[in-house]
C-alpha cells in the first residue's frame, strides 16, 4: 500500500549536509568520546558480524588514532558536503 505523505501532513525534507565516511580526504572530525562505549555495545549485538568481542578493541584503537592532532580522545572523520 502506497503512503501519501502529503495527505498525512508531512513535508519534504531538504538535506543540507552529507557526511561521507571512509574517505582519503576527510575535512570534518566528530568527537565520539562520550558515545564510543555505546557504539561498541551496539556492535556486539550483531553476533553474526563480530567474530570475537576482542576484535572490537580495533574500533577503539582506530577511533583513538583518528582523534590524534584534533584535541579529542576518540573521533570519527568524514568528508562533509554542504548542499544548496
C-alpha atoms as a PDB file:
ATOM      1  CA  UNK A   1       0.000   0.000   0.000  1.00  0.00           C
ATOM      2  CA  UNK A   2       1.442   3.344  -1.052  1.00  0.00           C
ATOM      3  CA  UNK A   3       1.567   6.134   1.528  1.00  0.00           C
ATOM      4  CA  UNK A   4       0.616   9.645   0.602  1.00  0.00           C
ATOM      5  CA  UNK A   5       2.837  11.617   2.923  1.00  0.00           C
ATOM      6  CA  UNK A   6       1.470  14.963   1.779  1.00  0.00           C
ATOM      7  CA  UNK A   7      -2.036  13.787   2.748  1.00  0.00           C
ATOM      8  CA  UNK A   8      -0.621  12.932   6.183  1.00  0.00           C
ATOM      9  CA  UNK A   9       0.656  16.485   6.534  1.00  0.00           C
ATOM     10  CA  UNK A  10       4.313  15.626   6.042  1.00  0.00           C
ATOM     11  CA  UNK A  11       6.515  17.965   4.033  1.00  0.00           C
ATOM     12  CA  UNK A  12       9.638  17.054   2.062  1.00  0.00           C
ATOM     13  CA  UNK A  13      12.875  17.375   3.983  1.00  0.00           C
ATOM     14  CA  UNK A  14      15.753  19.241   2.379  1.00  0.00           C
ATOM     15  CA  UNK A  15      19.080  17.616   3.211  1.00  0.00           C
ATOM     16  CA  UNK A  16      21.606  20.347   3.917  1.00  0.00           C
ATOM     17  CA  UNK A  17      24.683  18.316   4.850  1.00  0.00           C
ATOM     18  CA  UNK A  18      26.058  14.927   3.812  1.00  0.00           C
ATOM     19  CA  UNK A  19      28.895  13.213   5.671  1.00  0.00           C
ATOM     20  CA  UNK A  20      30.893  10.540   3.788  1.00  0.00           C
ATOM     21  CA  UNK A  21      32.908   8.071   5.861  1.00  0.00           C
ATOM     22  CA  UNK A  22      35.934   6.160   4.622  1.00  0.00           C
ATOM     23  CA  UNK A  23      37.383   8.963   2.525  1.00  0.00           C
ATOM     24  CA  UNK A  24      41.063   9.616   1.922  1.00  0.00           C
ATOM     25  CA  UNK A  25      40.443  13.343   2.298  1.00  0.00           C
ATOM     26  CA  UNK A  26      38.423  13.960   5.476  1.00  0.00           C
ATOM     27  CA  UNK A  27      37.693  17.533   6.471  1.00  0.00           C
ATOM     28  CA  UNK A  28      35.437  17.019   9.488  1.00  0.00           C
ATOM     29  CA  UNK A  29      36.189  15.227  12.774  1.00  0.00           C
ATOM     30  CA  UNK A  30      33.437  14.348  15.242  1.00  0.00           C
ATOM     31  CA  UNK A  31      34.245  13.689  18.901  1.00  0.00           C
ATOM     32  CA  UNK A  32      32.809  10.275  19.836  1.00  0.00           C
ATOM     33  CA  UNK A  33      34.465  10.052  23.257  1.00  0.00           C
ATOM     34  CA  UNK A  34      31.110  10.127  25.072  1.00  0.00           C
ATOM     35  CA  UNK A  35      29.466   7.536  22.785  1.00  0.00           C
ATOM     36  CA  UNK A  36      32.240   5.072  21.908  1.00  0.00           C
ATOM     37  CA  UNK A  37      31.238   2.528  24.562  1.00  0.00           C
ATOM     38  CA  UNK A  38      27.634   2.642  23.308  1.00  0.00           C
ATOM     39  CA  UNK A  39      28.872   2.107  19.751  1.00  0.00           C
ATOM     40  CA  UNK A  40      30.880  -0.941  20.813  1.00  0.00           C
ATOM     41  CA  UNK A  41      27.923  -2.349  22.779  1.00  0.00           C
ATOM     42  CA  UNK A  42      25.711  -1.907  19.705  1.00  0.00           C
ATOM     43  CA  UNK A  43      28.249  -3.697  17.517  1.00  0.00           C
ATOM     44  CA  UNK A  44      28.296  -6.585  19.998  1.00  0.00           C
ATOM     45  CA  UNK A  45      24.570  -7.093  19.354  1.00  0.00           C
ATOM     46  CA  UNK A  46      25.409  -8.122  15.773  1.00  0.00           C
ATOM     47  CA  UNK A  47      26.833 -11.529  16.683  1.00  0.00           C
ATOM     48  CA  UNK A  48      26.974 -12.687  13.062  1.00  0.00           C
ATOM     49  CA  UNK A  49      29.179  -9.682  12.218  1.00  0.00           C
ATOM     50  CA  UNK A  50      31.589  -9.905  15.160  1.00  0.00           C
ATOM     51  CA  UNK A  51      33.924 -12.895  15.226  1.00  0.00           C
ATOM     52  CA  UNK A  52      35.244 -12.115  18.676  1.00  0.00           C
ATOM     53  CA  UNK A  53      34.429  -9.389  21.185  1.00  0.00           C
ATOM     54  CA  UNK A  54      38.184  -8.837  21.448  1.00  0.00           C
ATOM     55  CA  UNK A  55      38.219  -7.776  17.783  1.00  0.00           C
ATOM     56  CA  UNK A  56      36.208  -4.695  18.746  1.00  0.00           C
ATOM     57  CA  UNK A  57      39.258  -3.321  20.512  1.00  0.00           C
ATOM     58  CA  UNK A  58      40.319  -2.350  16.979  1.00  0.00           C
ATOM     59  CA  UNK A  59      37.335   0.034  16.878  1.00  0.00           C
ATOM     60  CA  UNK A  60      38.656   1.783  19.976  1.00  0.00           C
ATOM     61  CA  UNK A  61      42.218   1.917  18.612  1.00  0.00           C
ATOM     62  CA  UNK A  62      41.080   3.316  15.253  1.00  0.00           C
ATOM     63  CA  UNK A  63      38.953   5.998  16.957  1.00  0.00           C
ATOM     64  CA  UNK A  64      41.936   6.992  19.118  1.00  0.00           C
ATOM     65  CA  UNK A  65      44.195   7.191  16.034  1.00  0.00           C
ATOM     66  CA  UNK A  66      41.598   9.258  14.176  1.00  0.00           C
ATOM     67  CA  UNK A  67      41.415  11.722  17.073  1.00  0.00           C
ATOM     68  CA  UNK A  68      45.167  12.376  17.140  1.00  0.00           C
ATOM     69  CA  UNK A  69      46.032  16.010  16.434  1.00  0.00           C
ATOM     70  CA  UNK A  70      42.376  17.051  16.827  1.00  0.00           C
ATOM     71  CA  UNK A  71      42.170  17.686  20.589  1.00  0.00           C
ATOM     72  CA  UNK A  72      39.845  14.706  21.164  1.00  0.00           C
ATOM     73  CA  UNK A  73      40.252  11.326  22.829  1.00  0.00           C
ATOM     74  CA  UNK A  74      38.199   9.384  20.236  1.00  0.00           C
ATOM     75  CA  UNK A  75      36.866  10.572  16.891  1.00  0.00           C
ATOM     76  CA  UNK A  76      35.381   9.604  13.543  1.00  0.00           C
ATOM     77  CA  UNK A  77      36.252  11.543  10.399  1.00  0.00           C
ATOM     78  CA  UNK A  78      34.202  12.410   7.322  1.00  0.00           C
ATOM     79  CA  UNK A  79      34.209  14.375   4.099  1.00  0.00           C
ATOM     80  CA  UNK A  80      31.433  16.917   4.556  1.00  0.00           C
ATOM     81  CA  UNK A  81      29.369  18.255   1.678  1.00  0.00           C
ATOM     82  CA  UNK A  82      27.073  21.231   2.195  1.00  0.00           C
ATOM     83  CA  UNK A  83      24.168  21.260  -0.247  1.00  0.00           C
ATOM     84  CA  UNK A  84      22.471  24.373  -1.598  1.00  0.00           C
END
